[in-house]
Amino acid sequence: EALRVADAGVVTCPTSNFIVGRALCPVRTWLDEGVQVSVGTDAAGGWSTSLLVALRHVVVASRLLAEQENDLHKSITWREALYLATKGGAQVLGLDVGAIEEGKPFDALILDLGDSGPYEGDAPYDAVLPEDDLNTLFERFIWNGDDRNILHVFVDGKRVSGSAPQRSIIFQGRANPLFKSLFSGALLAVCT
């Protein structure tokens, strides 16, 4: 209640919470109470600064808390965790970024969500089935992906990282309900 009244935001670092705090952050409770929550990383209190690892851990922590309290509503989804780490993080910090929208800085990753990237045969996951849709591939990246899936990194419209060869890019997402709900009509670039 004090957080909401003070209009304070919270950045949870779930890996650090596991290691240093030995605690589970009540993300769902805070969200339900109207507290702004984000997911971050903490190099001093964990073994990884990967935001993907933090996303996975915040979901796992929420599931553990839900089981402890016998209330499955306390669990958050990977989609919610992704939102908290992007747009939610920007809101906590008072920044007008965190989404791919017209007029906002283009901060994005270009991902290879398949098995034909520069690390073909050595990617975190190599099996892509014909029936896999974009939602399935993206969820697989969230749970199993790593830096080998990231082809390019853009910050404020400038490519700041990525040495993968330029290949065709299919822009999907405007008609995709997952990405509409996450990024309000965002475009997702998926390399083929």
Protein backbone atom coordinates (compact mmCIF):
# COMPACT_ATOMS: atom_id res chain seq x y z
CA GLU A 1 0.00 0.00 0.00
CA ALA A 2 2.84 2.38 0.87
CA LEU A 3 4.38 1.88 -2.58
CA ARG A 4 1.15 2.74 -4.37
CA VAL A 5 0.41 5.76 -2.17
CA ALA A 6 3.93 7.08 -2.74
CA ASP A 7 3.53 6.48 -6.50
CA ALA A 8 6.80 4.55 -6.30
CA GLY A 9 7.97 2.01 -8.83
CA VAL A 10 9.78 -1.23 -8.12
CA VAL A 11 12.49 -2.92 -10.14
CA THR A 12 12.80 -6.53 -9.10
CA CYS A 13 15.99 -8.44 -9.79
CA PRO A 14 14.80 -12.02 -9.32
CA THR A 15 18.20 -13.68 -9.62
CA SER A 16 19.59 -11.39 -6.95
CA ASN A 17 16.50 -12.02 -4.82
CA PHE A 18 17.19 -15.77 -5.01
CA ILE A 19 20.88 -15.42 -4.13
CA VAL A 20 21.11 -12.48 -1.72
CA GLY A 21 17.62 -11.90 -0.43
CA ARG A 22 16.42 -15.48 -0.31
CA ALA A 23 12.99 -14.10 -1.10
CA LEU A 24 10.30 -14.19 -3.73
CA CYS A 25 9.05 -10.84 -4.96
CA PRO A 26 5.22 -10.57 -4.90
CA VAL A 27 5.01 -9.15 -8.43
CA ARG A 28 1.37 -10.10 -9.04
CA THR A 29 0.26 -8.64 -5.70
CA TRP A 30 1.99 -5.36 -6.44
CA LEU A 31 0.55 -5.22 -9.96
CA ASP A 32 -2.92 -5.90 -8.62
CA GLU A 33 -2.44 -3.05 -6.12
CA GLY A 34 -1.51 -0.64 -8.91
CA VAL A 35 2.23 -0.50 -8.21
CA GLN A 36 4.48 0.00 -11.23
CA VAL A 37 6.81 -2.99 -11.45
CA SER A 38 9.75 -3.75 -13.72
CA VAL A 39 12.24 -6.58 -14.14
CA GLY A 40 15.96 -5.87 -14.09
CA THR A 41 19.31 -7.48 -13.48
CA ASP A 42 21.89 -7.05 -10.75
CA ALA A 43 25.48 -8.05 -11.41
CA ALA A 44 26.41 -7.84 -7.74
CA GLY A 45 23.78 -10.32 -6.60
CA GLY A 46 23.67 -13.02 -9.22
CA TRP A 47 25.49 -14.96 -11.85
CA SER A 48 23.95 -13.36 -14.93
CA THR A 49 23.14 -9.91 -16.23
CA SER A 50 21.05 -11.41 -19.03
CA LEU A 51 17.57 -9.94 -19.16
CA LEU A 52 16.35 -13.23 -20.61
CA VAL A 53 17.54 -14.99 -17.46
CA ALA A 54 15.78 -12.36 -15.33
CA LEU A 55 12.55 -12.82 -17.32
CA ARG A 56 12.66 -16.56 -16.76
CA HIS A 57 13.43 -16.15 -13.07
CA VAL A 58 10.63 -13.66 -12.40
CA VAL A 59 8.14 -16.11 -13.94
CA VAL A 60 9.56 -19.02 -11.95
CA ALA A 61 9.55 -16.96 -8.74
CA SER A 62 5.93 -15.98 -9.29
CA ARG A 63 4.98 -19.61 -9.88
CA LEU A 64 6.77 -20.68 -6.69
CA LEU A 65 4.97 -17.96 -4.73
CA ALA A 66 1.65 -18.98 -6.26
CA GLU A 67 2.25 -22.59 -5.24
CA GLN A 68 3.30 -21.60 -1.71
CA GLU A 69 0.16 -19.54 -1.27
CA ASN A 70 -2.03 -22.01 -3.17
CA ASP A 71 -3.20 -19.17 -5.41
CA LEU A 72 -2.34 -19.67 -9.09
CA HIS A 73 -3.45 -16.08 -9.80
CA LYS A 74 -0.18 -14.89 -8.24
CA SER A 75 1.76 -16.36 -11.16
CA ILE A 76 2.72 -14.13 -14.09
CA THR A 77 3.22 -15.22 -17.68
CA TRP A 78 6.28 -14.83 -19.85
CA ARG A 79 4.34 -12.22 -21.85
CA GLU A 80 3.76 -10.18 -18.70
CA ALA A 81 7.42 -10.56 -17.71
CA LEU A 82 8.50 -9.33 -21.15
CA TYR A 83 6.22 -6.31 -20.79
CA LEU A 84 7.62 -5.57 -17.32
CA ALA A 85 11.17 -5.67 -18.68
CA THR A 86 10.41 -3.36 -21.62
CA LYS A 87 7.51 -0.93 -21.45
CA GLY A 88 7.05 -1.53 -17.71
CA GLY A 89 10.70 -0.72 -17.09
CA ALA A 90 10.40 2.50 -19.03
CA GLN A 91 7.32 3.49 -17.03
CA VAL A 92 9.05 2.85 -13.70
CA LEU A 93 11.93 5.06 -14.83
CA GLY A 94 9.63 7.74 -16.24
CA LEU A 95 10.94 7.25 -19.79
CA ASP A 96 8.88 7.40 -22.97
CA VAL A 97 10.50 4.31 -24.51
CA GLY A 98 10.05 0.58 -24.25
CA ALA A 99 7.75 0.00 -27.19
CA ILE A 100 8.08 0.01 -30.94
CA GLU A 101 5.69 2.82 -31.80
CA GLU A 102 5.69 5.65 -34.28
CA GLY A 103 7.61 8.63 -32.94
CA LYS A 104 9.53 6.64 -30.32
CA PRO A 105 13.21 5.70 -30.52
CA PHE A 106 13.78 2.42 -32.34
CA ASP A 107 15.36 0.27 -29.65
CA ALA A 108 15.11 -3.33 -30.76
CA LEU A 109 16.71 -6.68 -31.29
CA ILE A 110 16.64 -8.43 -34.63
CA LEU A 111 16.28 -12.09 -33.78
CA ASP A 112 16.76 -15.33 -35.61
CA LEU A 113 13.91 -17.40 -34.23
CA GLY A 114 14.65 -20.37 -36.44
CA ASP A 115 17.39 -22.84 -37.08
CA SER A 116 19.13 -21.15 -39.98
CA GLY A 117 21.09 -18.40 -38.27
CA PRO A 118 24.82 -17.75 -38.16
CA TYR A 119 25.15 -20.49 -35.53
CA GLU A 120 23.22 -23.07 -37.52
CA GLY A 121 23.49 -26.40 -35.79
CA ASP A 122 24.80 -24.72 -32.62
CA ALA A 123 21.83 -22.55 -31.69
CA PRO A 124 20.08 -22.88 -28.32
CA TYR A 125 17.31 -24.69 -30.17
CA ASP A 126 17.49 -26.06 -33.66
CA ALA A 127 14.17 -27.81 -34.17
CA VAL A 128 11.65 -25.63 -35.95
CA LEU A 129 8.54 -27.49 -36.94
CA PRO A 130 6.39 -26.55 -39.93
CA GLU A 131 3.42 -25.89 -37.63
CA ASP A 132 5.36 -23.47 -35.40
CA ASP A 133 3.84 -20.01 -35.59
CA LEU A 134 5.50 -16.75 -34.58
CA ASN A 135 4.08 -16.95 -31.04
CA THR A 136 5.55 -20.41 -30.53
CA LEU A 137 8.94 -19.41 -31.92
CA PHE A 138 9.09 -16.27 -29.78
CA GLU A 139 8.07 -18.13 -26.62
CA ARG A 140 10.78 -20.69 -27.39
CA PHE A 141 13.28 -17.83 -27.63
CA ILE A 142 12.17 -16.44 -24.27
CA TRP A 143 12.57 -19.82 -22.55
CA ASN A 144 15.55 -21.27 -24.44
CA GLY A 145 17.19 -18.52 -26.46
CA ASP A 146 20.36 -16.60 -25.79
CA ASP A 147 22.76 -14.22 -27.49
CA ARG A 148 23.22 -16.65 -30.39
CA ASN A 149 19.69 -15.77 -31.51
CA ILE A 150 20.39 -12.02 -31.55
CA LEU A 151 21.52 -10.90 -34.98
CA HIS A 152 21.49 -7.14 -34.48
CA VAL A 153 20.91 -4.63 -31.69
CA PHE A 154 19.47 -1.19 -32.44
CA VAL A 155 19.50 1.73 -30.01
CA ASP A 156 17.74 4.93 -31.03
CA GLY A 157 17.62 3.70 -34.61
CA LYS A 158 21.34 2.95 -34.89
CA ARG A 159 22.72 -0.55 -35.18
CA VAL A 160 25.15 -0.84 -32.26
CA SER A 161 25.86 -4.54 -32.37
CA GLY A 162 25.60 -7.46 -34.69
CA SER A 163 27.89 -9.01 -37.18
CA ALA A 164 25.48 -11.48 -38.72
CA PRO A 165 25.16 -11.09 -42.47
CA GLN A 166 22.29 -8.93 -43.63
CA ARG A 167 19.47 -11.14 -44.81
CA SER A 168 15.89 -10.61 -45.77
CA ILE A 169 13.72 -9.34 -42.97
CA ILE A 170 10.06 -10.13 -42.73
CA PHE A 171 8.11 -7.61 -40.72
CA GLN A 172 5.34 -9.31 -38.84
CA GLY A 173 3.35 -8.29 -35.86
CA ARG A 174 0.75 -5.75 -36.90
CA ALA A 175 -1.81 -8.52 -37.33
CA ASN A 176 -0.37 -10.66 -34.56
CA PRO A 177 -2.42 -10.42 -31.35
CA LEU A 178 0.54 -11.33 -29.12
CA PHE A 179 2.64 -8.41 -30.26
CA LYS A 180 -0.32 -6.04 -30.44
CA SER A 181 -1.05 -6.73 -26.80
CA LEU A 182 2.59 -6.41 -25.78
CA PHE A 183 3.68 -3.46 -27.85
CA SER A 184 0.52 -1.72 -29.02
CA GLY A 185 0.78 -2.48 -32.73
CA ALA A 186 4.51 -3.04 -32.79
CA LEU A 187 6.47 -4.39 -35.68
CA LEU A 188 8.62 -7.40 -34.99
CA ALA A 189 11.52 -8.07 -37.29
CA VAL A 190 12.25 -11.74 -37.80
CA CYS A 191 15.10 -12.78 -40.01
CA THR A 192 14.48 -15.62 -42.39
